[in-house]
Amino acid sequence: MTQNQDPPTYRRTAKDIRREETRARLLDAARRLFAERDYDSVSVTEIASAAGVTHGMINVYFGGKPGLLYEIIRQNNVLQYQDTVGTLSAITSAMAELDAVLLAWLDGDTEDTRLLAVMQSYSWVWPPETEKDNETVRAGFKEAVAAIVKHGCDTGEFRRSLDPMLTARTIWAIYTWGTRAAIFQGATTRECHRAIVAQIRQLVLPDT
């Protein structure tokens, strides 16, 4: 290719379009069936039948029912991240920003604790390519939290010695562990939020 030539443009083939349509039908069917009943009581055969394909297509496109659920949650996370960024625009206190972000996450994650439990267990056995994809998603959330931490350090609201990204990773770990109370102890969203925020305050606020 010479310097003046444009790079080649990828064109979607009929096969690409069919693949995308099949994936979309499976996702739509799974969302509807999971909402009507629950994850455990919905079979891959039912999902495939509702989508108008054979159940083997779930393995082909998603690697099984957990992979199908992961894709649904991944798409939801994109919207959740947009909400996270939007939440911060009108808030000036770094701690208030963290409070709002964590509550927004919990509202979504604890809406169905059974699905949350499935995803947490699946995250330990999913394939490396899924981990790489999820790592990219997690990075976006952590960068948003790191920006809040930096804001708090710059204004003196937080301890100035904090490393923003390292602190964001620690907050992510506190949050992930804190959601277990909703799964195993029946804690409400607000109860989880209070416990998580209390730990984070110990981490970020300066000694008085």
C-alpha atoms as a PDB file:
ATOM      1  CA  MET A   1       0.000   0.000   0.000  1.00  0.00           C
ATOM      2  CA  THR A   2       1.473   3.358  -0.982  1.00  0.00           C
ATOM      3  CA  GLN A   3       1.467   6.388   1.291  1.00  0.00           C
ATOM      4  CA  ASN A   4      -1.493   7.979  -0.509  1.00  0.00           C
ATOM      5  CA  GLN A   5      -3.735   4.914  -0.468  1.00  0.00           C
ATOM      6  CA  ASP A   6      -6.551   4.625   2.056  1.00  0.00           C
ATOM      7  CA  PRO A   7      -6.480   1.572   4.355  1.00  0.00           C
ATOM      8  CA  PRO A   8      -8.752  -1.274   3.215  1.00  0.00           C
ATOM      9  CA  THR A   9     -12.338  -1.087   4.473  1.00  0.00           C
ATOM     10  CA  TYR A  10     -13.832  -4.161   6.102  1.00  0.00           C
ATOM     11  CA  ARG A  11     -17.186  -5.118   4.610  1.00  0.00           C
ATOM     12  CA  ARG A  12     -19.694  -7.185   6.528  1.00  0.00           C
ATOM     13  CA  THR A  13     -20.637 -10.358   4.698  1.00  0.00           C
ATOM     14  CA  ALA A  14     -24.004 -12.102   4.715  1.00  0.00           C
ATOM     15  CA  LYS A  15     -22.481 -14.611   7.149  1.00  0.00           C
ATOM     16  CA  ASP A  16     -21.434 -11.784   9.497  1.00  0.00           C
ATOM     17  CA  ILE A  17     -24.954 -10.375   9.442  1.00  0.00           C
ATOM     18  CA  ARG A  18     -26.517 -13.782  10.176  1.00  0.00           C
ATOM     19  CA  ARG A  19     -24.090 -14.280  13.050  1.00  0.00           C
ATOM     20  CA  GLU A  20     -24.956 -10.892  14.555  1.00  0.00           C
ATOM     21  CA  GLU A  21     -28.675 -11.539  14.166  1.00  0.00           C
ATOM     22  CA  THR A  22     -28.396 -14.955  15.822  1.00  0.00           C
ATOM     23  CA  ARG A  23     -26.432 -13.513  18.755  1.00  0.00           C
ATOM     24  CA  ALA A  24     -28.983 -10.726  19.162  1.00  0.00           C
ATOM     25  CA  ARG A  25     -31.927 -13.157  19.135  1.00  0.00           C
ATOM     26  CA  LEU A  26     -30.265 -15.365  21.744  1.00  0.00           C
ATOM     27  CA  LEU A  27     -29.520 -12.382  23.988  1.00  0.00           C
ATOM     28  CA  ASP A  28     -33.061 -11.034  23.675  1.00  0.00           C
ATOM     29  CA  ALA A  29     -34.570 -14.459  24.438  1.00  0.00           C
ATOM     30  CA  ALA A  30     -32.287 -14.994  27.434  1.00  0.00           C
ATOM     31  CA  ARG A  31     -33.012 -11.544  28.883  1.00  0.00           C
ATOM     32  CA  ARG A  32     -36.750 -12.139  28.620  1.00  0.00           C
ATOM     33  CA  LEU A  33     -36.677 -15.661  30.082  1.00  0.00           C
ATOM     34  CA  PHE A  34     -34.301 -14.759  32.929  1.00  0.00           C
ATOM     35  CA  ALA A  35     -36.584 -11.847  33.845  1.00  0.00           C
ATOM     36  CA  GLU A  36     -39.739 -13.995  33.687  1.00  0.00           C
ATOM     37  CA  ARG A  37     -38.307 -16.777  35.851  1.00  0.00           C
ATOM     38  CA  ASP A  38     -34.712 -17.079  37.041  1.00  0.00           C
ATOM     39  CA  TYR A  39     -31.348 -18.131  35.709  1.00  0.00           C
ATOM     40  CA  ASP A  40     -31.341 -21.657  37.149  1.00  0.00           C
ATOM     41  CA  SER A  41     -34.815 -22.644  35.948  1.00  0.00           C
ATOM     42  CA  VAL A  42     -34.255 -21.557  32.331  1.00  0.00           C
ATOM     43  CA  SER A  43     -32.614 -24.192  30.126  1.00  0.00           C
ATOM     44  CA  VAL A  44     -30.430 -23.611  27.093  1.00  0.00           C
ATOM     45  CA  THR A  45     -33.008 -25.528  25.049  1.00  0.00           C
ATOM     46  CA  GLU A  46     -35.710 -23.026  26.040  1.00  0.00           C
ATOM     47  CA  ILE A  47     -33.504 -20.068  25.198  1.00  0.00           C
ATOM     48  CA  ALA A  48     -32.562 -21.512  21.824  1.00  0.00           C
ATOM     49  CA  SER A  49     -36.185 -22.398  21.022  1.00  0.00           C
ATOM     50  CA  ALA A  50     -37.333 -18.856  21.848  1.00  0.00           C
ATOM     51  CA  ALA A  51     -34.576 -17.503  19.594  1.00  0.00           C
ATOM     52  CA  GLY A  52     -35.456 -19.898  16.762  1.00  0.00           C
ATOM     53  CA  VAL A  53     -32.091 -21.703  16.681  1.00  0.00           C
ATOM     54  CA  THR A  54     -30.634 -24.980  17.938  1.00  0.00           C
ATOM     55  CA  HIS A  55     -29.272 -25.046  21.483  1.00  0.00           C
ATOM     56  CA  GLY A  56     -25.787 -25.770  20.124  1.00  0.00           C
ATOM     57  CA  MET A  57     -25.637 -22.164  18.920  1.00  0.00           C
ATOM     58  CA  ILE A  58     -25.353 -21.009  22.545  1.00  0.00           C
ATOM     59  CA  ASN A  59     -22.098 -22.942  22.855  1.00  0.00           C
ATOM     60  CA  VAL A  60     -20.899 -21.695  19.473  1.00  0.00           C
ATOM     61  CA  TYR A  61     -21.482 -18.010  20.211  1.00  0.00           C
ATOM     62  CA  PHE A  62     -21.204 -17.798  24.021  1.00  0.00           C
ATOM     63  CA  GLY A  63     -19.534 -20.988  25.273  1.00  0.00           C
ATOM     64  CA  GLY A  64     -22.609 -21.992  27.293  1.00  0.00           C
ATOM     65  CA  LYS A  65     -25.296 -20.409  29.465  1.00  0.00           C
ATOM     66  CA  PRO A  66     -22.857 -18.629  31.849  1.00  0.00           C
ATOM     67  CA  GLY A  67     -21.180 -17.000  28.847  1.00  0.00           C
ATOM     68  CA  LEU A  68     -24.564 -15.856  27.594  1.00  0.00           C
ATOM     69  CA  LEU A  69     -25.312 -14.323  30.977  1.00  0.00           C
ATOM     70  CA  TYR A  70     -21.873 -12.677  31.000  1.00  0.00           C
ATOM     71  CA  GLU A  71     -22.597 -10.952  27.682  1.00  0.00           C
ATOM     72  CA  ILE A  72     -25.918  -9.626  29.007  1.00  0.00           C
ATOM     73  CA  ILE A  73     -24.214  -8.227  32.097  1.00  0.00           C
ATOM     74  CA  ARG A  74     -21.324  -6.842  30.032  1.00  0.00           C
ATOM     75  CA  GLN A  75     -23.794  -4.856  27.936  1.00  0.00           C
ATOM     76  CA  ASN A  76     -25.504  -3.652  31.101  1.00  0.00           C
ATOM     77  CA  ASN A  77     -22.108  -2.565  32.450  1.00  0.00           C
ATOM     78  CA  VAL A  78     -21.644  -0.239  29.483  1.00  0.00           C
ATOM     79  CA  LEU A  79     -24.822   1.584  30.485  1.00  0.00           C
ATOM     80  CA  GLN A  80     -23.810   1.468  34.145  1.00  0.00           C
ATOM     81  CA  TYR A  81     -20.459   3.073  33.324  1.00  0.00           C
ATOM     82  CA  GLN A  82     -22.217   5.864  31.425  1.00  0.00           C
ATOM     83  CA  ASP A  83     -24.452   6.421  34.457  1.00  0.00           C
ATOM     84  CA  THR A  84     -21.359   6.482  36.687  1.00  0.00           C
ATOM     85  CA  VAL A  85     -19.743   9.253  34.661  1.00  0.00           C
ATOM     86  CA  GLY A  86     -23.019  11.183  34.458  1.00  0.00           C
ATOM     87  CA  THR A  87     -23.535  10.968  38.229  1.00  0.00           C
ATOM     88  CA  LEU A  88     -20.348  12.904  38.911  1.00  0.00           C
ATOM     89  CA  SER A  89     -21.067  16.041  36.916  1.00  0.00           C
ATOM     90  CA  ALA A  90     -23.056  17.870  39.617  1.00  0.00           C
ATOM     91  CA  ILE A  91     -21.113  16.679  42.718  1.00  0.00           C
ATOM     92  CA  THR A  92     -18.154  18.572  44.189  1.00  0.00           C
ATOM     93  CA  SER A  93     -17.229  16.491  47.267  1.00  0.00           C
ATOM     94  CA  ALA A  94     -15.019  13.492  46.467  1.00  0.00           C
ATOM     95  CA  MET A  95     -16.568  11.378  49.236  1.00  0.00           C
ATOM     96  CA  ALA A  96     -20.056  12.279  48.025  1.00  0.00           C
ATOM     97  CA  GLU A  97     -18.986  11.257  44.518  1.00  0.00           C
ATOM     98  CA  LEU A  98     -17.831   7.872  45.794  1.00  0.00           C
ATOM     99  CA  ASP A  99     -21.055   7.451  47.775  1.00  0.00           C
ATOM    100  CA  ALA A 100     -23.146   8.114  44.663  1.00  0.00           C
ATOM    101  CA  VAL A 101     -21.070   5.869  42.381  1.00  0.00           C
ATOM    102  CA  LEU A 102     -21.081   2.927  44.794  1.00  0.00           C
ATOM    103  CA  LEU A 103     -24.815   3.208  45.390  1.00  0.00           C
ATOM    104  CA  ALA A 104     -25.449   3.283  41.638  1.00  0.00           C
ATOM    105  CA  TRP A 105     -23.347   0.136  41.192  1.00  0.00           C
ATOM    106  CA  LEU A 106     -25.109  -1.621  44.055  1.00  0.00           C
ATOM    107  CA  ASP A 107     -28.560  -0.727  42.740  1.00  0.00           C
ATOM    108  CA  GLY A 108     -27.739  -2.635  39.576  1.00  0.00           C
ATOM    109  CA  ASP A 109     -25.684  -5.490  41.020  1.00  0.00           C
ATOM    110  CA  THR A 110     -28.029  -6.407  43.886  1.00  0.00           C
ATOM    111  CA  GLU A 111     -31.217  -6.244  41.840  1.00  0.00           C
ATOM    112  CA  ASP A 112     -30.942 -10.022  41.346  1.00  0.00           C
ATOM    113  CA  THR A 113     -28.528 -11.548  43.869  1.00  0.00           C
ATOM    114  CA  ARG A 114     -28.751 -14.985  42.256  1.00  0.00           C
ATOM    115  CA  LEU A 115     -27.380 -13.618  38.986  1.00  0.00           C
ATOM    116  CA  LEU A 116     -24.707 -11.750  40.939  1.00  0.00           C
ATOM    117  CA  ALA A 117     -23.659 -15.025  42.589  1.00  0.00           C
ATOM    118  CA  VAL A 118     -23.541 -16.837  39.247  1.00  0.00           C
ATOM    119  CA  MET A 119     -21.340 -14.143  37.737  1.00  0.00           C
ATOM    120  CA  GLN A 120     -18.971 -14.049  40.705  1.00  0.00           C
ATOM    121  CA  SER A 121     -18.484 -17.822  40.571  1.00  0.00           C
ATOM    122  CA  TYR A 122     -18.186 -17.847  36.767  1.00  0.00           C
ATOM    123  CA  SER A 123     -15.470 -15.185  36.924  1.00  0.00           C
ATOM    124  CA  TRP A 124     -13.083 -17.749  38.443  1.00  0.00           C
ATOM    125  CA  VAL A 125     -13.475 -20.274  35.626  1.00  0.00           C
ATOM    126  CA  TRP A 126     -14.231 -18.264  32.498  1.00  0.00           C
ATOM    127  CA  PRO A 127     -11.779 -18.493  29.563  1.00  0.00           C
ATOM    128  CA  PRO A 128      -8.767 -16.157  29.271  1.00  0.00           C
ATOM    129  CA  GLU A 129     -10.348 -14.143  26.440  1.00  0.00           C
ATOM    130  CA  THR A 130     -13.354 -13.376  28.657  1.00  0.00           C
ATOM    131  CA  GLU A 131     -11.044 -12.311  31.482  1.00  0.00           C
ATOM    132  CA  LYS A 132      -9.211 -10.009  29.076  1.00  0.00           C
ATOM    133  CA  ASP A 133     -12.501  -8.470  27.935  1.00  0.00           C
ATOM    134  CA  ASN A 134     -13.724  -8.053  31.509  1.00  0.00           C
ATOM    135  CA  GLU A 135     -10.403  -6.547  32.547  1.00  0.00           C
ATOM    136  CA  THR A 136     -10.991  -3.816  29.957  1.00  0.00           C
ATOM    137  CA  VAL A 137     -14.463  -3.176  31.378  1.00  0.00           C
ATOM    138  CA  ARG A 138     -13.126  -3.097  34.942  1.00  0.00           C
ATOM    139  CA  ALA A 139     -10.397  -0.673  33.906  1.00  0.00           C
ATOM    140  CA  GLY A 140     -12.986   1.906  32.867  1.00  0.00           C
ATOM    141  CA  PHE A 141     -14.708   1.757  36.252  1.00  0.00           C
ATOM    142  CA  LYS A 142     -11.383   1.885  38.119  1.00  0.00           C
ATOM    143  CA  GLU A 143     -10.213   4.899  36.109  1.00  0.00           C
ATOM    144  CA  ALA A 144     -13.421   6.723  37.050  1.00  0.00           C
ATOM    145  CA  VAL A 145     -12.820   5.942  40.730  1.00  0.00           C
ATOM    146  CA  ALA A 146      -9.139   6.897  40.442  1.00  0.00           C
ATOM    147  CA  ALA A 147     -10.202  10.309  39.110  1.00  0.00           C
ATOM    148  CA  ILE A 148     -12.427  10.789  42.165  1.00  0.00           C
ATOM    149  CA  VAL A 149      -9.581   9.783  44.490  1.00  0.00           C
ATOM    150  CA  LYS A 150      -7.217  12.224  42.772  1.00  0.00           C
ATOM    151  CA  HIS A 151      -9.812  14.966  43.177  1.00  0.00           C
ATOM    152  CA  GLY A 152     -10.055  14.166  46.887  1.00  0.00           C
ATOM    153  CA  CYS A 153      -6.263  14.174  47.290  1.00  0.00           C
ATOM    154  CA  ASP A 154      -5.858  17.452  45.405  1.00  0.00           C
ATOM    155  CA  THR A 155      -8.462  19.216  47.562  1.00  0.00           C
ATOM    156  CA  GLY A 156      -7.192  17.749  50.829  1.00  0.00           C
ATOM    157  CA  GLU A 157     -10.427  15.903  51.496  1.00  0.00           C
ATOM    158  CA  PHE A 158      -8.520  12.604  51.204  1.00  0.00           C
ATOM    159  CA  ARG A 159      -5.048  11.701  52.422  1.00  0.00           C
ATOM    160  CA  ARG A 160      -2.613  13.304  50.005  1.00  0.00           C
ATOM    161  CA  SER A 161      -0.283  10.282  50.067  1.00  0.00           C
ATOM    162  CA  LEU A 162      -2.807   8.012  48.333  1.00  0.00           C
ATOM    163  CA  ASP A 163      -1.941   6.544  44.945  1.00  0.00           C
ATOM    164  CA  PRO A 164      -5.181   7.101  42.959  1.00  0.00           C
ATOM    165  CA  MET A 165      -5.101   3.925  40.845  1.00  0.00           C
ATOM    166  CA  LEU A 166      -3.881   1.660  43.655  1.00  0.00           C
ATOM    167  CA  THR A 167      -6.610   3.086  45.876  1.00  0.00           C
ATOM    168  CA  ALA A 168      -9.190   2.563  43.129  1.00  0.00           C
ATOM    169  CA  ARG A 169      -8.192  -1.100  42.913  1.00  0.00           C
ATOM    170  CA  THR A 170      -8.545  -1.430  46.683  1.00  0.00           C
ATOM    171  CA  ILE A 171     -11.978   0.213  46.565  1.00  0.00           C
ATOM    172  CA  TRP A 172     -12.973  -2.223  43.822  1.00  0.00           C
ATOM    173  CA  ALA A 173     -11.928  -5.141  46.060  1.00  0.00           C
ATOM    174  CA  ILE A 174     -13.844  -3.721  49.044  1.00  0.00           C
ATOM    175  CA  TYR A 175     -16.903  -3.275  46.856  1.00  0.00           C
ATOM    176  CA  THR A 176     -16.713  -6.792  45.393  1.00  0.00           C
ATOM    177  CA  TRP A 177     -16.342  -8.371  48.820  1.00  0.00           C
ATOM    178  CA  GLY A 178     -19.069  -6.146  50.229  1.00  0.00           C
ATOM    179  CA  THR A 179     -21.659  -7.427  47.761  1.00  0.00           C
ATOM    180  CA  ARG A 180     -21.338 -10.910  49.287  1.00  0.00           C
ATOM    181  CA  ALA A 181     -23.495  -9.766  52.204  1.00  0.00           C
ATOM    182  CA  ALA A 182     -26.397  -9.336  49.783  1.00  0.00           C
ATOM    183  CA  ILE A 183     -25.897 -12.867  48.441  1.00  0.00           C
ATOM    184  CA  PHE A 184     -25.268 -14.805  51.665  1.00  0.00           C
ATOM    185  CA  GLN A 185     -26.794 -12.705  54.437  1.00  0.00           C
ATOM    186  CA  GLY A 186     -29.770 -11.122  52.703  1.00  0.00           C
ATOM    187  CA  ALA A 187     -28.405  -7.624  53.284  1.00  0.00           C
ATOM    188  CA  THR A 188     -30.242  -4.811  51.524  1.00  0.00           C
ATOM    189  CA  THR A 189     -28.624  -2.510  49.004  1.00  0.00           C
ATOM    190  CA  ARG A 190     -28.467   0.277  51.590  1.00  0.00           C
ATOM    191  CA  GLU A 191     -26.935  -2.009  54.221  1.00  0.00           C
ATOM    192  CA  CYS A 192     -24.229  -3.108  51.784  1.00  0.00           C
ATOM    193  CA  HIS A 193     -23.635   0.514  50.839  1.00  0.00           C
ATOM    194  CA  ARG A 194     -23.191   1.625  54.456  1.00  0.00           C
ATOM    195  CA  ALA A 195     -20.728  -1.183  55.208  1.00  0.00           C
ATOM    196  CA  ILE A 196     -18.681  -0.592  52.057  1.00  0.00           C
ATOM    197  CA  VAL A 197     -18.534   3.182  52.525  1.00  0.00           C
ATOM    198  CA  ALA A 198     -17.467   2.769  56.166  1.00  0.00           C
ATOM    199  CA  GLN A 199     -14.443   0.712  55.061  1.00  0.00           C
ATOM    200  CA  ILE A 200     -13.568   3.164  52.320  1.00  0.00           C
ATOM    201  CA  ARG A 201     -13.718   6.103  54.702  1.00  0.00           C
ATOM    202  CA  GLN A 202     -11.149   4.336  56.887  1.00  0.00           C
ATOM    203  CA  LEU A 203      -8.982   3.975  53.782  1.00  0.00           C
ATOM    204  CA  VAL A 204      -9.140   7.462  52.250  1.00  0.00           C
ATOM    205  CA  LEU A 205      -9.987  10.051  54.914  1.00  0.00           C
ATOM    206  CA  PRO A 206      -7.121  11.758  56.768  1.00  0.00           C
ATOM    207  CA  ASP A 207      -6.653  11.186  60.496  1.00  0.00           C
ATOM    208  CA  THR A 208      -8.303  13.850  62.602  1.00  0.00           C
END
